[in-house]
Amino acid sequence: MLLKPEELLEEARKLIGSETEVVRGRYPVEHDPIRRYCHMTDDTNPLFLDTEYAEFSRYGSVISPPLLIGYFTGNGPWPPADGSEPSLPAIPSPGDRLINLTTEWEFYEPVKIGDRLSYKRRVTDVFIKGIRLDSKAFWVKTEMLVYNQDEALVAMSTNLLVRHRTQEQQTTLA
């Protein structure tokens, strides 16, 4: 028997607060990947490229461009062949179509050469809100918390996605 969206939502909301284990990034923060990234993106910020300039800045050393944090927290090619990447539990929903709507970042501390980054993910909200394609679309909000080797929170990513039903799935449930 197929469950109605409201019944699935009740189950899905039980997963709010679920977290992955902390995962250590595969790569330490190093100057060469920072330099390559800056050259690819035409970012000439001396805090990222000029060791002497950065040494006399308020940071005391070269720092990483904020969005390069994803590289330093990564575990290598995706998807991991050995299934070693912990994932959040599957959120039950009536639809199997997925739209990743937003990813927002907040940065709290500079990431410096030599740092070792780790992260964990967690489910923060699940709700039903209609969209043009599906009046009972499921919205799922997750966070990724990024820490340095001292366990200081350096960044947080908030992700919002929508799972919706196809026209056929909506008709089947009716």
N, C-alpha and C. Protein backbone atom coordinates (compact mmCIF):
# COMPACT_ATOMS: atom_id res chain seq x y z
N MET A 1 0.83 -1.19 0.00
CA MET A 1 0.00 0.00 0.00
C MET A 1 0.88 1.25 0.00
N LEU A 2 0.57 2.16 -0.89
CA LEU A 2 1.32 3.40 -0.98
C LEU A 2 0.88 4.35 0.13
N LEU A 3 1.86 4.98 0.75
CA LEU A 3 1.55 5.96 1.79
C LEU A 3 1.29 7.31 1.16
N LYS A 4 0.42 8.08 1.76
CA LYS A 4 0.14 9.43 1.30
C LYS A 4 1.31 10.33 1.69
N PRO A 5 1.49 11.46 0.97
CA PRO A 5 2.60 12.37 1.29
C PRO A 5 2.63 12.78 2.76
N GLU A 6 1.48 13.05 3.35
CA GLU A 6 1.44 13.48 4.75
C GLU A 6 1.94 12.38 5.69
N GLU A 7 1.64 11.12 5.34
CA GLU A 7 2.12 10.00 6.15
C GLU A 7 3.63 9.83 6.00
N LEU A 8 4.12 9.99 4.80
CA LEU A 8 5.57 9.92 4.58
C LEU A 8 6.29 11.06 5.28
N LEU A 9 5.66 12.24 5.29
CA LEU A 9 6.27 13.38 5.97
C LEU A 9 6.47 13.10 7.45
N GLU A 10 5.50 12.44 8.05
CA GLU A 10 5.60 12.09 9.47
C GLU A 10 6.85 11.24 9.70
N GLU A 11 7.09 10.27 8.81
CA GLU A 11 8.29 9.42 8.92
C GLU A 11 9.56 10.23 8.63
N ALA A 12 9.50 11.06 7.62
CA ALA A 12 10.68 11.85 7.22
C ALA A 12 11.10 12.80 8.33
N ARG A 13 10.15 13.41 9.00
CA ARG A 13 10.47 14.39 10.05
C ARG A 13 11.19 13.74 11.23
N LYS A 14 11.05 12.44 11.40
CA LYS A 14 11.77 11.73 12.47
C LYS A 14 13.28 11.76 12.22
N LEU A 15 13.67 12.03 10.98
CA LEU A 15 15.10 12.03 10.62
C LEU A 15 15.76 13.39 10.83
N ILE A 16 14.96 14.41 11.18
CA ILE A 16 15.55 15.73 11.46
C ILE A 16 16.49 15.57 12.65
N GLY A 17 17.68 16.10 12.51
CA GLY A 17 18.71 15.96 13.54
C GLY A 17 19.68 14.83 13.27
N SER A 18 19.36 13.95 12.32
CA SER A 18 20.29 12.87 11.95
C SER A 18 21.58 13.47 11.44
N GLU A 19 22.71 12.88 11.83
CA GLU A 19 24.03 13.37 11.41
C GLU A 19 24.88 12.22 10.91
N THR A 20 25.81 12.55 10.03
CA THR A 20 26.83 11.58 9.65
C THR A 20 27.93 11.63 10.70
N GLU A 21 28.81 10.67 10.64
CA GLU A 21 30.02 10.74 11.44
C GLU A 21 30.89 11.85 10.86
N VAL A 22 31.85 12.32 11.64
CA VAL A 22 32.81 13.30 11.13
C VAL A 22 33.74 12.59 10.15
N VAL A 23 33.93 13.21 8.98
CA VAL A 23 34.78 12.65 7.93
C VAL A 23 35.98 13.57 7.74
N ARG A 24 37.17 13.02 7.81
CA ARG A 24 38.38 13.81 7.59
C ARG A 24 38.64 13.92 6.10
N GLY A 25 38.93 15.14 5.64
CA GLY A 25 39.24 15.35 4.23
C GLY A 25 40.49 14.60 3.83
N ARG A 26 40.55 14.24 2.58
CA ARG A 26 41.67 13.45 2.05
C ARG A 26 42.95 14.27 1.94
N TYR A 27 42.81 15.56 1.68
CA TYR A 27 43.98 16.39 1.39
C TYR A 27 44.19 17.45 2.46
N PRO A 28 45.45 17.68 2.88
CA PRO A 28 45.71 18.84 3.74
C PRO A 28 45.65 20.11 2.89
N VAL A 29 45.44 21.23 3.54
CA VAL A 29 45.43 22.50 2.81
C VAL A 29 46.87 22.81 2.40
N GLU A 30 47.09 22.93 1.09
CA GLU A 30 48.43 23.17 0.55
C GLU A 30 48.39 24.35 -0.41
N HIS A 31 49.55 24.99 -0.57
CA HIS A 31 49.61 26.19 -1.40
C HIS A 31 49.43 25.88 -2.89
N ASP A 32 49.96 24.76 -3.36
CA ASP A 32 49.89 24.48 -4.80
C ASP A 32 48.45 24.36 -5.31
N PRO A 33 47.55 23.63 -4.66
CA PRO A 33 46.16 23.62 -5.14
C PRO A 33 45.50 25.00 -5.08
N ILE A 34 45.87 25.79 -4.08
CA ILE A 34 45.33 27.16 -3.98
C ILE A 34 45.81 27.98 -5.17
N ARG A 35 47.10 27.88 -5.47
CA ARG A 35 47.68 28.62 -6.59
C ARG A 35 47.02 28.21 -7.91
N ARG A 36 46.88 26.90 -8.14
CA ARG A 36 46.24 26.42 -9.38
C ARG A 36 44.80 26.91 -9.49
N TYR A 37 44.06 26.84 -8.41
CA TYR A 37 42.67 27.29 -8.39
C TYR A 37 42.59 28.78 -8.75
N CYS A 38 43.46 29.58 -8.13
CA CYS A 38 43.45 31.03 -8.38
C CYS A 38 43.79 31.34 -9.84
N HIS A 39 44.74 30.62 -10.40
CA HIS A 39 45.09 30.86 -11.80
C HIS A 39 43.95 30.44 -12.74
N MET A 40 43.25 29.36 -12.41
CA MET A 40 42.12 28.92 -13.24
C MET A 40 40.96 29.89 -13.18
N THR A 41 40.79 30.55 -12.05
CA THR A 41 39.63 31.44 -11.87
C THR A 41 40.00 32.92 -12.00
N ASP A 42 41.24 33.20 -12.36
CA ASP A 42 41.74 34.58 -12.48
C ASP A 42 41.58 35.37 -11.19
N ASP A 43 41.74 34.70 -10.06
CA ASP A 43 41.68 35.36 -8.75
C ASP A 43 43.10 35.75 -8.36
N THR A 44 43.37 37.04 -8.33
CA THR A 44 44.73 37.52 -8.04
C THR A 44 44.88 38.05 -6.62
N ASN A 45 43.99 37.68 -5.73
CA ASN A 45 44.05 38.14 -4.35
C ASN A 45 45.40 37.73 -3.74
N PRO A 46 46.22 38.68 -3.29
CA PRO A 46 47.53 38.34 -2.74
C PRO A 46 47.45 37.52 -1.45
N LEU A 47 46.32 37.53 -0.76
CA LEU A 47 46.17 36.69 0.43
C LEU A 47 46.19 35.21 0.07
N PHE A 48 45.87 34.90 -1.19
CA PHE A 48 45.85 33.52 -1.65
C PHE A 48 47.15 33.13 -2.36
N LEU A 49 47.84 34.12 -2.93
CA LEU A 49 48.96 33.81 -3.82
C LEU A 49 50.33 34.27 -3.34
N ASP A 50 50.40 35.37 -2.64
CA ASP A 50 51.67 36.00 -2.29
C ASP A 50 52.04 35.69 -0.84
N THR A 51 53.00 34.79 -0.67
CA THR A 51 53.41 34.35 0.66
C THR A 51 53.90 35.50 1.52
N GLU A 52 54.72 36.38 0.95
CA GLU A 52 55.26 37.51 1.72
C GLU A 52 54.15 38.49 2.12
N TYR A 53 53.27 38.81 1.19
CA TYR A 53 52.16 39.72 1.50
C TYR A 53 51.28 39.12 2.60
N ALA A 54 50.93 37.85 2.44
CA ALA A 54 50.03 37.20 3.39
C ALA A 54 50.65 37.09 4.78
N GLU A 55 51.96 36.92 4.82
CA GLU A 55 52.66 36.80 6.11
C GLU A 55 52.48 38.04 6.97
N PHE A 56 52.39 39.20 6.33
CA PHE A 56 52.25 40.46 7.08
C PHE A 56 50.79 40.92 7.17
N SER A 57 49.87 40.07 6.73
CA SER A 57 48.44 40.39 6.85
C SER A 57 47.94 39.98 8.24
N ARG A 58 46.70 40.27 8.52
CA ARG A 58 46.14 39.88 9.82
C ARG A 58 46.04 38.37 9.97
N TYR A 59 46.15 37.61 8.86
CA TYR A 59 46.07 36.16 8.93
C TYR A 59 47.42 35.50 9.20
N GLY A 60 48.50 36.18 8.87
CA GLY A 60 49.84 35.68 9.15
C GLY A 60 50.36 34.64 8.17
N SER A 61 49.55 34.25 7.21
CA SER A 61 49.98 33.29 6.20
C SER A 61 48.97 33.28 5.07
N VAL A 62 49.32 32.55 4.00
CA VAL A 62 48.40 32.38 2.88
C VAL A 62 47.14 31.69 3.40
N ILE A 63 45.98 32.13 2.92
CA ILE A 63 44.71 31.49 3.25
C ILE A 63 44.08 30.92 1.99
N SER A 64 43.15 30.04 2.18
CA SER A 64 42.46 29.40 1.05
C SER A 64 41.29 30.25 0.59
N PRO A 65 41.06 30.33 -0.72
CA PRO A 65 39.81 30.93 -1.18
C PRO A 65 38.65 30.15 -0.56
N PRO A 66 37.62 30.83 -0.11
CA PRO A 66 36.55 30.15 0.63
C PRO A 66 35.94 28.94 -0.08
N LEU A 67 35.64 29.04 -1.36
CA LEU A 67 34.97 27.92 -2.02
C LEU A 67 35.89 26.73 -2.32
N LEU A 68 37.18 26.89 -2.11
CA LEU A 68 38.10 25.77 -2.29
C LEU A 68 38.02 24.81 -1.10
N ILE A 69 37.30 25.20 -0.07
CA ILE A 69 37.10 24.33 1.10
C ILE A 69 36.55 22.98 0.66
N GLY A 70 35.67 22.98 -0.34
CA GLY A 70 35.10 21.72 -0.82
C GLY A 70 36.15 20.74 -1.32
N TYR A 71 37.21 21.25 -1.92
CA TYR A 71 38.29 20.38 -2.40
C TYR A 71 39.03 19.76 -1.21
N PHE A 72 39.33 20.58 -0.22
CA PHE A 72 40.12 20.09 0.92
C PHE A 72 39.31 19.20 1.87
N THR A 73 38.00 19.23 1.80
CA THR A 73 37.19 18.31 2.61
C THR A 73 36.84 17.05 1.83
N GLY A 74 37.13 17.04 0.54
CA GLY A 74 36.74 15.92 -0.31
C GLY A 74 37.53 14.66 -0.04
N ASN A 75 36.93 13.55 -0.42
CA ASN A 75 37.57 12.24 -0.27
C ASN A 75 38.07 11.69 -1.59
N GLY A 76 38.21 12.54 -2.59
CA GLY A 76 38.66 12.07 -3.89
C GLY A 76 37.50 11.97 -4.85
N PRO A 77 37.64 11.14 -5.89
CA PRO A 77 36.61 11.05 -6.92
C PRO A 77 35.26 10.63 -6.35
N TRP A 78 34.20 11.13 -6.96
CA TRP A 78 32.84 10.81 -6.53
C TRP A 78 32.17 9.96 -7.60
N PRO A 79 31.38 8.99 -7.28
CA PRO A 79 31.13 8.48 -5.93
C PRO A 79 32.27 7.57 -5.49
N PRO A 80 32.49 7.49 -4.18
CA PRO A 80 33.57 6.63 -3.70
C PRO A 80 33.30 5.17 -4.07
N ALA A 81 34.29 4.53 -4.64
CA ALA A 81 34.12 3.15 -5.11
C ALA A 81 33.88 2.17 -3.97
N ASP A 82 34.44 2.47 -2.81
CA ASP A 82 34.33 1.52 -1.70
C ASP A 82 33.18 1.83 -0.75
N GLY A 83 32.38 2.85 -1.07
CA GLY A 83 31.25 3.19 -0.21
C GLY A 83 31.67 3.75 1.13
N SER A 84 32.88 4.29 1.22
CA SER A 84 33.41 4.75 2.49
C SER A 84 32.84 6.09 2.94
N GLU A 85 32.21 6.81 2.05
CA GLU A 85 31.65 8.11 2.39
C GLU A 85 30.34 7.92 3.13
N PRO A 86 30.28 8.32 4.42
CA PRO A 86 29.01 8.16 5.13
C PRO A 86 27.96 9.12 4.57
N SER A 87 26.74 8.66 4.52
CA SER A 87 25.68 9.52 3.99
C SER A 87 24.54 9.61 4.98
N LEU A 88 23.75 10.63 4.79
CA LEU A 88 22.57 10.80 5.62
C LEU A 88 21.56 9.72 5.27
N PRO A 89 20.67 9.40 6.19
CA PRO A 89 19.65 8.39 5.85
C PRO A 89 18.76 8.89 4.72
N ALA A 90 18.27 7.96 3.93
CA ALA A 90 17.37 8.32 2.83
C ALA A 90 16.08 8.90 3.41
N ILE A 91 15.69 10.05 2.90
CA ILE A 91 14.47 10.71 3.35
C ILE A 91 13.30 10.10 2.58
N PRO A 92 12.35 9.47 3.27
CA PRO A 92 11.21 8.92 2.55
C PRO A 92 10.37 10.03 1.93
N SER A 93 10.02 9.86 0.69
CA SER A 93 9.17 10.85 0.02
C SER A 93 8.40 10.13 -1.09
N PRO A 94 7.27 10.68 -1.49
CA PRO A 94 6.47 10.01 -2.51
C PRO A 94 7.04 10.14 -3.92
N GLY A 95 7.93 11.08 -4.13
CA GLY A 95 8.47 11.30 -5.47
C GLY A 95 9.90 10.86 -5.60
N ASP A 96 10.32 10.61 -6.84
CA ASP A 96 11.70 10.21 -7.07
C ASP A 96 12.47 11.20 -7.93
N ARG A 97 11.89 12.36 -8.19
CA ARG A 97 12.57 13.41 -8.96
C ARG A 97 13.21 14.38 -7.97
N LEU A 98 14.42 14.79 -8.28
CA LEU A 98 15.18 15.62 -7.35
C LEU A 98 15.63 16.90 -8.03
N ILE A 99 15.44 18.02 -7.34
CA ILE A 99 15.94 19.31 -7.81
C ILE A 99 16.77 19.90 -6.68
N ASN A 100 18.04 20.16 -6.94
CA ASN A 100 18.89 20.83 -5.95
C ASN A 100 18.71 22.32 -6.16
N LEU A 101 18.06 22.99 -5.22
CA LEU A 101 17.70 24.39 -5.41
C LEU A 101 18.80 25.37 -5.03
N THR A 102 19.32 25.24 -3.83
CA THR A 102 20.30 26.22 -3.37
C THR A 102 21.39 25.56 -2.55
N THR A 103 22.54 26.16 -2.60
CA THR A 103 23.63 25.86 -1.68
C THR A 103 24.17 27.21 -1.23
N GLU A 104 24.11 27.44 0.07
CA GLU A 104 24.59 28.71 0.63
C GLU A 104 25.73 28.40 1.60
N TRP A 105 26.74 29.26 1.58
CA TRP A 105 27.89 29.08 2.46
C TRP A 105 28.01 30.23 3.44
N GLU A 106 28.44 29.90 4.64
CA GLU A 106 28.84 30.89 5.64
C GLU A 106 30.26 30.52 6.05
N PHE A 107 31.13 31.52 6.13
CA PHE A 107 32.53 31.29 6.47
C PHE A 107 32.84 31.99 7.79
N TYR A 108 33.42 31.25 8.73
CA TYR A 108 33.63 31.77 10.08
C TYR A 108 35.10 32.02 10.42
N GLU A 109 35.98 31.17 9.94
CA GLU A 109 37.41 31.28 10.23
C GLU A 109 38.19 31.09 8.93
N PRO A 110 39.34 31.77 8.79
CA PRO A 110 40.15 31.53 7.59
C PRO A 110 40.74 30.11 7.62
N VAL A 111 40.89 29.54 6.46
CA VAL A 111 41.52 28.23 6.32
C VAL A 111 42.93 28.48 5.81
N LYS A 112 43.92 27.97 6.56
CA LYS A 112 45.32 28.26 6.26
C LYS A 112 46.06 27.02 5.79
N ILE A 113 47.19 27.26 5.14
CA ILE A 113 48.05 26.16 4.71
C ILE A 113 48.44 25.35 5.94
N GLY A 114 48.34 24.04 5.79
CA GLY A 114 48.64 23.13 6.89
C GLY A 114 47.41 22.65 7.64
N ASP A 115 46.29 23.35 7.49
CA ASP A 115 45.06 22.90 8.15
C ASP A 115 44.62 21.55 7.59
N ARG A 116 43.97 20.77 8.43
CA ARG A 116 43.32 19.52 8.01
C ARG A 116 41.83 19.69 8.30
N LEU A 117 41.03 19.64 7.26
CA LEU A 117 39.60 19.88 7.41
C LEU A 117 38.82 18.57 7.53
N SER A 118 37.74 18.65 8.29
CA SER A 118 36.80 17.54 8.46
C SER A 118 35.40 18.11 8.33
N TYR A 119 34.43 17.24 8.10
CA TYR A 119 33.06 17.72 8.01
C TYR A 119 32.08 16.66 8.49
N LYS A 120 30.89 17.11 8.79
CA LYS A 120 29.76 16.21 9.01
C LYS A 120 28.54 16.87 8.41
N ARG A 121 27.57 16.04 8.03
CA ARG A 121 26.32 16.54 7.45
C ARG A 121 25.18 16.21 8.40
N ARG A 122 24.12 17.02 8.32
CA ARG A 122 22.94 16.73 9.14
C ARG A 122 21.67 17.22 8.45
N VAL A 123 20.57 16.56 8.76
CA VAL A 123 19.25 16.95 8.25
C VAL A 123 18.69 17.98 9.22
N THR A 124 18.25 19.14 8.70
CA THR A 124 17.73 20.18 9.59
C THR A 124 16.24 20.45 9.42
N ASP A 125 15.66 20.08 8.28
CA ASP A 125 14.22 20.29 8.12
C ASP A 125 13.69 19.48 6.94
N VAL A 126 12.44 19.07 7.05
CA VAL A 126 11.72 18.40 5.97
C VAL A 126 10.29 18.93 6.03
N PHE A 127 9.78 19.39 4.89
CA PHE A 127 8.40 19.89 4.88
C PHE A 127 7.80 19.74 3.49
N ILE A 128 6.48 19.85 3.42
CA ILE A 128 5.76 19.79 2.15
C ILE A 128 5.41 21.21 1.75
N LYS A 129 5.72 21.53 0.49
CA LYS A 129 5.35 22.83 -0.07
C LYS A 129 5.13 22.60 -1.57
N GLY A 130 4.00 23.00 -2.05
CA GLY A 130 3.67 22.76 -3.44
C GLY A 130 4.53 23.55 -4.41
N ILE A 131 4.79 22.93 -5.55
CA ILE A 131 5.42 23.60 -6.68
C ILE A 131 4.52 23.36 -7.88
N ARG A 132 4.79 24.01 -8.97
CA ARG A 132 3.94 23.87 -10.16
C ARG A 132 3.81 22.41 -10.60
N LEU A 133 4.87 21.64 -10.46
CA LEU A 133 4.88 20.25 -10.91
C LEU A 133 4.19 19.29 -9.95
N ASP A 134 4.11 19.67 -8.66
CA ASP A 134 3.59 18.75 -7.64
C ASP A 134 3.13 19.54 -6.42
N SER A 135 1.87 19.44 -6.11
CA SER A 135 1.33 20.20 -4.97
C SER A 135 1.78 19.64 -3.62
N LYS A 136 2.41 18.48 -3.61
CA LYS A 136 2.88 17.84 -2.37
C LYS A 136 4.38 17.56 -2.43
N ALA A 137 5.14 18.48 -3.00
CA ALA A 137 6.59 18.29 -3.10
C ALA A 137 7.23 18.32 -1.72
N PHE A 138 8.23 17.49 -1.53
CA PHE A 138 8.98 17.43 -0.27
C PHE A 138 10.21 18.33 -0.39
N TRP A 139 10.41 19.19 0.58
CA TRP A 139 11.57 20.05 0.66
C TRP A 139 12.45 19.52 1.78
N VAL A 140 13.73 19.36 1.50
CA VAL A 140 14.68 18.82 2.47
C VAL A 140 15.83 19.81 2.62
N LYS A 141 16.10 20.18 3.86
CA LYS A 141 17.19 21.12 4.15
C LYS A 141 18.26 20.37 4.94
N THR A 142 19.51 20.47 4.47
CA THR A 142 20.63 19.84 5.16
C THR A 142 21.74 20.86 5.38
N GLU A 143 22.63 20.54 6.29
CA GLU A 143 23.80 21.38 6.55
C GLU A 143 25.05 20.52 6.49
N MET A 144 26.14 21.13 6.05
CA MET A 144 27.45 20.52 6.13
C MET A 144 28.30 21.45 6.99
N LEU A 145 28.80 20.94 8.10
CA LEU A 145 29.63 21.71 9.02
C LEU A 145 31.08 21.33 8.79
N VAL A 146 31.94 22.32 8.57
CA VAL A 146 33.35 22.08 8.26
C VAL A 146 34.21 22.56 9.43
N TYR A 147 35.09 21.69 9.89
CA TYR A 147 35.95 21.97 11.05
C TYR A 147 37.41 21.87 10.64
N ASN A 148 38.28 22.59 11.38
CA ASN A 148 39.72 22.42 11.17
C ASN A 148 40.24 21.39 12.18
N GLN A 149 41.55 21.19 12.18
CA GLN A 149 42.17 20.18 13.04
C GLN A 149 42.00 20.49 14.53
N ASP A 150 41.69 21.75 14.87
CA ASP A 150 41.46 22.13 16.27
C ASP A 150 39.98 22.03 16.64
N GLU A 151 39.18 21.47 15.74
CA GLU A 151 37.74 21.31 15.90
C GLU A 151 36.99 22.63 15.93
N ALA A 152 37.61 23.68 15.39
CA ALA A 152 36.94 24.98 15.26
C ALA A 152 36.07 24.94 14.00
N LEU A 153 34.84 25.44 14.11
CA LEU A 153 33.95 25.51 12.95
C LEU A 153 34.46 26.60 12.02
N VAL A 154 34.85 26.23 10.80
CA VAL A 154 35.38 27.22 9.86
C VAL A 154 34.36 27.62 8.80
N ALA A 155 33.39 26.74 8.51
CA ALA A 155 32.39 27.07 7.49
C ALA A 155 31.17 26.17 7.65
N MET A 156 30.06 26.65 7.09
CA MET A 156 28.84 25.85 7.07
C MET A 156 28.15 26.05 5.73
N SER A 157 27.74 24.95 5.15
CA SER A 157 26.99 24.98 3.90
C SER A 157 25.57 24.53 4.20
N THR A 158 24.59 25.28 3.70
CA THR A 158 23.19 24.90 3.83
C THR A 158 22.68 24.55 2.44
N ASN A 159 22.06 23.40 2.32
CA ASN A 159 21.58 22.91 1.03
C ASN A 159 20.08 22.68 1.10
N LEU A 160 19.37 23.13 0.07
CA LEU A 160 17.92 22.95 0.00
C LEU A 160 17.60 22.22 -1.29
N LEU A 161 16.90 21.10 -1.17
CA LEU A 161 16.50 20.38 -2.36
C LEU A 161 15.02 20.02 -2.28
N VAL A 162 14.46 19.73 -3.44
CA VAL A 162 13.05 19.37 -3.55
C VAL A 162 12.97 17.99 -4.20
N ARG A 163 12.16 17.13 -3.61
CA ARG A 163 11.83 15.84 -4.22
C ARG A 163 10.37 15.91 -4.62
N HIS A 164 10.09 15.66 -5.89
CA HIS A 164 8.70 15.75 -6.34
C HIS A 164 8.30 14.51 -7.12
N ARG A 165 6.99 14.34 -7.24
CA ARG A 165 6.42 13.20 -7.95
C ARG A 165 6.26 13.53 -9.43
N THR A 166 6.37 12.50 -10.24
CA THR A 166 6.04 12.66 -11.66
C THR A 166 4.52 12.74 -11.76
N GLN A 167 4.03 13.12 -12.92
CA GLN A 167 2.58 13.15 -13.14
C GLN A 167 1.98 11.76 -12.93
N GLU A 168 2.70 10.75 -13.40
CA GLU A 168 2.23 9.37 -13.24
C GLU A 168 2.16 8.97 -11.76
N GLN A 169 3.17 9.34 -10.98
CA GLN A 169 3.15 9.02 -9.55
C GLN A 169 2.00 9.72 -8.84
N GLN A 170 1.71 10.93 -9.25
CA GLN A 170 0.60 11.67 -8.63
C GLN A 170 -0.73 11.00 -8.94
N THR A 171 -0.90 10.52 -10.15
CA THR A 171 -2.14 9.85 -10.57
C THR A 171 -2.31 8.52 -9.85
N THR A 172 -1.21 7.78 -9.68
CA THR A 172 -1.25 6.48 -9.01
C THR A 172 -1.74 6.61 -7.58
N LEU A 173 -1.32 7.66 -6.90
CA LEU A 173 -1.67 7.84 -5.49
C LEU A 173 -3.10 8.34 -5.32
N ALA A 174 -3.64 8.99 -6.33
CA ALA A 174 -4.97 9.60 -6.20
C ALA A 174 -6.08 8.60 -6.00
